[in-house]
Amino acid sequence: MLTARGALTSRPNEPIVQGAVKITKGFSSLVQAYKAGRDGKSDDVIKFSKEAYAAADKAEAISPNLAGITRRMRMIAKSMADEARKTQSQ
């Protein structure tokens, strides 16, 4: 996260740098979702997964070159949220 922020400070107008910051935030949200799942907090898994999905969308909108990584991030976020929803319905 610090590296992405440092790049943003030195090159704030570059779309790839702006997108990288969003990707970093998205992966941070995925980590939070994982921790919530480990702790049995399904609502938080869904919340953090949505944040990660939205960060991926923003990153790709800013820098389409990030489509590969944003696609994977959305797949992971969706999978985590779907599993949390399954757990809630049991």
N, C-alpha and C. Protein backbone atom coordinates (compact mmCIF):
# COMPACT_ATOMS: atom_id res chain seq x y z
N MET A 1 0.83 -1.18 0.00
CA MET A 1 0.00 0.00 0.00
C MET A 1 0.87 1.24 0.00
N LEU A 2 1.93 1.22 0.81
CA LEU A 2 2.81 2.39 0.88
C LEU A 2 3.50 2.64 -0.44
N THR A 3 3.90 1.59 -1.13
CA THR A 3 4.56 1.75 -2.42
C THR A 3 3.61 2.36 -3.44
N ALA A 4 2.38 1.90 -3.45
CA ALA A 4 1.39 2.45 -4.38
C ALA A 4 1.13 3.92 -4.07
N ARG A 5 1.03 4.25 -2.81
CA ARG A 5 0.81 5.64 -2.41
C ARG A 5 2.02 6.51 -2.78
N GLY A 6 3.23 5.95 -2.63
CA GLY A 6 4.43 6.69 -3.00
C GLY A 6 4.46 6.96 -4.49
N ALA A 7 4.08 5.97 -5.27
CA ALA A 7 4.01 6.17 -6.73
C ALA A 7 2.96 7.21 -7.07
N LEU A 8 1.86 7.20 -6.34
CA LEU A 8 0.81 8.18 -6.58
C LEU A 8 1.30 9.60 -6.28
N THR A 9 2.13 9.73 -5.27
CA THR A 9 2.70 11.03 -4.93
C THR A 9 3.64 11.52 -6.02
N SER A 10 4.46 10.62 -6.55
CA SER A 10 5.44 11.04 -7.55
C SER A 10 4.86 11.13 -8.96
N ARG A 11 3.81 10.38 -9.26
CA ARG A 11 3.19 10.38 -10.60
C ARG A 11 1.67 10.36 -10.49
N PRO A 12 1.09 11.39 -9.92
CA PRO A 12 -0.34 11.38 -9.63
C PRO A 12 -1.26 11.37 -10.85
N ASN A 13 -0.75 11.74 -12.01
CA ASN A 13 -1.61 11.83 -13.19
C ASN A 13 -1.56 10.61 -14.09
N GLU A 14 -0.79 9.61 -13.71
CA GLU A 14 -0.66 8.42 -14.54
C GLU A 14 -1.76 7.42 -14.19
N PRO A 15 -2.58 7.06 -15.19
CA PRO A 15 -3.69 6.14 -14.93
C PRO A 15 -3.25 4.80 -14.33
N ILE A 16 -2.13 4.26 -14.77
CA ILE A 16 -1.69 2.97 -14.23
C ILE A 16 -1.39 3.07 -12.74
N VAL A 17 -0.86 4.20 -12.32
CA VAL A 17 -0.56 4.41 -10.90
C VAL A 17 -1.86 4.57 -10.11
N GLN A 18 -2.78 5.35 -10.64
CA GLN A 18 -4.08 5.52 -9.97
C GLN A 18 -4.81 4.18 -9.87
N GLY A 19 -4.74 3.40 -10.94
CA GLY A 19 -5.37 2.08 -10.93
C GLY A 19 -4.71 1.15 -9.93
N ALA A 20 -3.38 1.23 -9.83
CA ALA A 20 -2.65 0.38 -8.88
C ALA A 20 -3.07 0.67 -7.44
N VAL A 21 -3.33 1.93 -7.14
CA VAL A 21 -3.79 2.29 -5.80
C VAL A 21 -5.15 1.63 -5.52
N LYS A 22 -6.04 1.66 -6.51
CA LYS A 22 -7.35 1.02 -6.35
C LYS A 22 -7.20 -0.50 -6.17
N ILE A 23 -6.28 -1.09 -6.94
CA ILE A 23 -6.03 -2.53 -6.82
C ILE A 23 -5.55 -2.86 -5.41
N THR A 24 -4.65 -2.04 -4.90
CA THR A 24 -4.12 -2.25 -3.55
C THR A 24 -5.24 -2.18 -2.52
N LYS A 25 -6.11 -1.20 -2.66
CA LYS A 25 -7.26 -1.09 -1.74
C LYS A 25 -8.16 -2.31 -1.87
N GLY A 26 -8.36 -2.76 -3.09
CA GLY A 26 -9.21 -3.94 -3.31
C GLY A 26 -8.65 -5.18 -2.65
N PHE A 27 -7.33 -5.41 -2.80
CA PHE A 27 -6.74 -6.58 -2.16
C PHE A 27 -6.77 -6.46 -0.64
N SER A 28 -6.65 -5.26 -0.15
CA SER A 28 -6.78 -5.05 1.30
C SER A 28 -8.18 -5.46 1.76
N SER A 29 -9.19 -5.09 0.97
CA SER A 29 -10.57 -5.48 1.29
C SER A 29 -10.74 -6.99 1.24
N LEU A 30 -10.09 -7.65 0.28
CA LEU A 30 -10.18 -9.11 0.21
C LEU A 30 -9.56 -9.76 1.44
N VAL A 31 -8.46 -9.20 1.92
CA VAL A 31 -7.84 -9.73 3.14
C VAL A 31 -8.80 -9.56 4.31
N GLN A 32 -9.44 -8.41 4.39
CA GLN A 32 -10.41 -8.18 5.47
C GLN A 32 -11.59 -9.16 5.35
N ALA A 33 -12.02 -9.42 4.12
CA ALA A 33 -13.11 -10.38 3.91
C ALA A 33 -12.69 -11.78 4.36
N TYR A 34 -11.46 -12.16 4.04
CA TYR A 34 -10.95 -13.46 4.46
C TYR A 34 -10.94 -13.58 5.98
N LYS A 35 -10.42 -12.54 6.63
CA LYS A 35 -10.38 -12.55 8.10
C LYS A 35 -11.78 -12.65 8.69
N ALA A 36 -12.72 -11.91 8.09
CA ALA A 36 -14.11 -11.96 8.57
C ALA A 36 -14.68 -13.37 8.40
N GLY A 37 -14.38 -14.00 7.28
CA GLY A 37 -14.85 -15.36 7.05
C GLY A 37 -14.26 -16.33 8.04
N ARG A 38 -13.00 -16.18 8.33
CA ARG A 38 -12.32 -17.02 9.32
C ARG A 38 -12.98 -16.89 10.69
N ASP A 39 -13.47 -15.67 10.97
CA ASP A 39 -14.11 -15.40 12.26
C ASP A 39 -15.62 -15.64 12.24
N GLY A 40 -16.14 -16.15 11.12
CA GLY A 40 -17.56 -16.47 11.03
C GLY A 40 -18.47 -15.26 10.88
N LYS A 41 -17.95 -14.16 10.39
CA LYS A 41 -18.73 -12.93 10.23
C LYS A 41 -19.15 -12.76 8.77
N SER A 42 -20.20 -13.46 8.39
CA SER A 42 -20.64 -13.49 6.99
C SER A 42 -21.02 -12.12 6.46
N ASP A 43 -21.69 -11.31 7.28
CA ASP A 43 -22.07 -9.97 6.81
C ASP A 43 -20.85 -9.14 6.44
N ASP A 44 -19.79 -9.26 7.24
CA ASP A 44 -18.57 -8.52 6.95
C ASP A 44 -17.87 -9.06 5.71
N VAL A 45 -17.93 -10.37 5.51
CA VAL A 45 -17.36 -10.95 4.29
C VAL A 45 -18.02 -10.31 3.07
N ILE A 46 -19.33 -10.23 3.10
CA ILE A 46 -20.07 -9.66 1.97
C ILE A 46 -19.72 -8.19 1.80
N LYS A 47 -19.66 -7.45 2.89
CA LYS A 47 -19.34 -6.02 2.83
C LYS A 47 -17.96 -5.80 2.22
N PHE A 48 -16.96 -6.50 2.72
CA PHE A 48 -15.60 -6.31 2.22
C PHE A 48 -15.44 -6.83 0.79
N SER A 49 -16.16 -7.88 0.46
CA SER A 49 -16.12 -8.40 -0.91
C SER A 49 -16.69 -7.38 -1.89
N LYS A 50 -17.77 -6.72 -1.48
CA LYS A 50 -18.35 -5.66 -2.33
C LYS A 50 -17.36 -4.52 -2.51
N GLU A 51 -16.65 -4.17 -1.45
CA GLU A 51 -15.64 -3.10 -1.56
C GLU A 51 -14.54 -3.50 -2.54
N ALA A 52 -14.10 -4.74 -2.47
CA ALA A 52 -13.05 -5.22 -3.38
C ALA A 52 -13.54 -5.21 -4.82
N TYR A 53 -14.78 -5.65 -5.03
CA TYR A 53 -15.37 -5.68 -6.37
C TYR A 53 -15.44 -4.26 -6.93
N ALA A 54 -15.88 -3.32 -6.11
CA ALA A 54 -15.98 -1.93 -6.55
C ALA A 54 -14.61 -1.34 -6.85
N ALA A 55 -13.61 -1.68 -6.04
CA ALA A 55 -12.25 -1.18 -6.28
C ALA A 55 -11.73 -1.71 -7.62
N ALA A 56 -12.03 -2.96 -7.93
CA ALA A 56 -11.61 -3.53 -9.21
C ALA A 56 -12.28 -2.80 -10.36
N ASP A 57 -13.57 -2.52 -10.23
CA ASP A 57 -14.27 -1.77 -11.27
C ASP A 57 -13.64 -0.40 -11.49
N LYS A 58 -13.34 0.29 -10.40
CA LYS A 58 -12.73 1.62 -10.50
C LYS A 58 -11.35 1.55 -11.13
N ALA A 59 -10.56 0.58 -10.71
CA ALA A 59 -9.21 0.43 -11.26
C ALA A 59 -9.25 0.21 -12.77
N GLU A 60 -10.15 -0.65 -13.20
CA GLU A 60 -10.24 -0.94 -14.63
C GLU A 60 -10.77 0.26 -15.42
N ALA A 61 -11.67 1.01 -14.82
CA ALA A 61 -12.18 2.21 -15.49
C ALA A 61 -11.07 3.25 -15.67
N ILE A 62 -10.20 3.34 -14.68
CA ILE A 62 -9.08 4.29 -14.73
C ILE A 62 -8.02 3.82 -15.71
N SER A 63 -7.70 2.53 -15.65
CA SER A 63 -6.62 1.98 -16.48
C SER A 63 -7.05 0.62 -17.04
N PRO A 64 -7.60 0.59 -18.25
CA PRO A 64 -8.05 -0.67 -18.85
C PRO A 64 -6.95 -1.73 -18.96
N ASN A 65 -5.69 -1.33 -18.92
CA ASN A 65 -4.59 -2.30 -18.97
C ASN A 65 -4.59 -3.24 -17.77
N LEU A 66 -5.32 -2.89 -16.73
CA LEU A 66 -5.38 -3.71 -15.52
C LEU A 66 -6.50 -4.75 -15.57
N ALA A 67 -7.10 -4.93 -16.73
CA ALA A 67 -8.28 -5.81 -16.85
C ALA A 67 -8.02 -7.23 -16.35
N GLY A 68 -6.86 -7.77 -16.59
CA GLY A 68 -6.58 -9.14 -16.15
C GLY A 68 -6.64 -9.28 -14.64
N ILE A 69 -5.98 -8.40 -13.95
CA ILE A 69 -5.96 -8.49 -12.49
C ILE A 69 -7.30 -8.09 -11.89
N THR A 70 -7.97 -7.13 -12.49
CA THR A 70 -9.27 -6.72 -11.94
C THR A 70 -10.31 -7.83 -12.15
N ARG A 71 -10.19 -8.54 -13.25
CA ARG A 71 -11.12 -9.66 -13.49
C ARG A 71 -10.93 -10.73 -12.41
N ARG A 72 -9.68 -11.03 -12.09
CA ARG A 72 -9.41 -12.03 -11.04
C ARG A 72 -9.88 -11.54 -9.67
N MET A 73 -9.69 -10.26 -9.41
CA MET A 73 -10.12 -9.71 -8.13
C MET A 73 -11.64 -9.82 -7.99
N ARG A 74 -12.35 -9.49 -9.06
CA ARG A 74 -13.82 -9.60 -9.02
C ARG A 74 -14.26 -11.05 -8.83
N MET A 75 -13.56 -12.00 -9.48
CA MET A 75 -13.91 -13.42 -9.32
C MET A 75 -13.73 -13.87 -7.87
N ILE A 76 -12.63 -13.46 -7.27
CA ILE A 76 -12.36 -13.83 -5.87
C ILE A 76 -13.41 -13.21 -4.96
N ALA A 77 -13.69 -11.93 -5.18
CA ALA A 77 -14.68 -11.22 -4.34
C ALA A 77 -16.05 -11.87 -4.46
N LYS A 78 -16.45 -12.20 -5.69
CA LYS A 78 -17.76 -12.82 -5.89
C LYS A 78 -17.82 -14.19 -5.23
N SER A 79 -16.76 -14.97 -5.36
CA SER A 79 -16.71 -16.30 -4.76
C SER A 79 -16.83 -16.21 -3.23
N MET A 80 -16.10 -15.28 -2.65
CA MET A 80 -16.16 -15.12 -1.19
C MET A 80 -17.55 -14.70 -0.73
N ALA A 81 -18.14 -13.75 -1.44
CA ALA A 81 -19.47 -13.28 -1.06
C ALA A 81 -20.51 -14.39 -1.24
N ASP A 82 -20.39 -15.15 -2.33
CA ASP A 82 -21.33 -16.26 -2.57
C ASP A 82 -21.25 -17.30 -1.45
N GLU A 83 -20.03 -17.62 -1.04
CA GLU A 83 -19.85 -18.60 0.06
C GLU A 83 -20.43 -18.06 1.36
N ALA A 84 -20.24 -16.76 1.61
CA ALA A 84 -20.81 -16.17 2.83
C ALA A 84 -22.32 -16.21 2.80
N ARG A 85 -22.91 -15.96 1.64
CA ARG A 85 -24.37 -16.01 1.52
C ARG A 85 -24.88 -17.43 1.75
N LYS A 86 -24.13 -18.42 1.25
CA LYS A 86 -24.52 -19.82 1.48
C LYS A 86 -24.50 -20.15 2.96
N THR A 87 -23.48 -19.67 3.63
CA THR A 87 -23.36 -19.90 5.07
C THR A 87 -24.52 -19.26 5.82
N GLN A 88 -24.92 -18.08 5.39
CA GLN A 88 -26.04 -17.38 6.04
C GLN A 88 -27.34 -18.13 5.89
N SER A 89 -27.52 -18.79 4.74
CA SER A 89 -28.80 -19.45 4.48
C SER A 89 -28.90 -20.83 5.12
N GLN A 90 -27.84 -21.29 5.74
CA GLN A 90 -27.87 -22.62 6.36
C GLN A 90 -28.35 -22.55 7.78
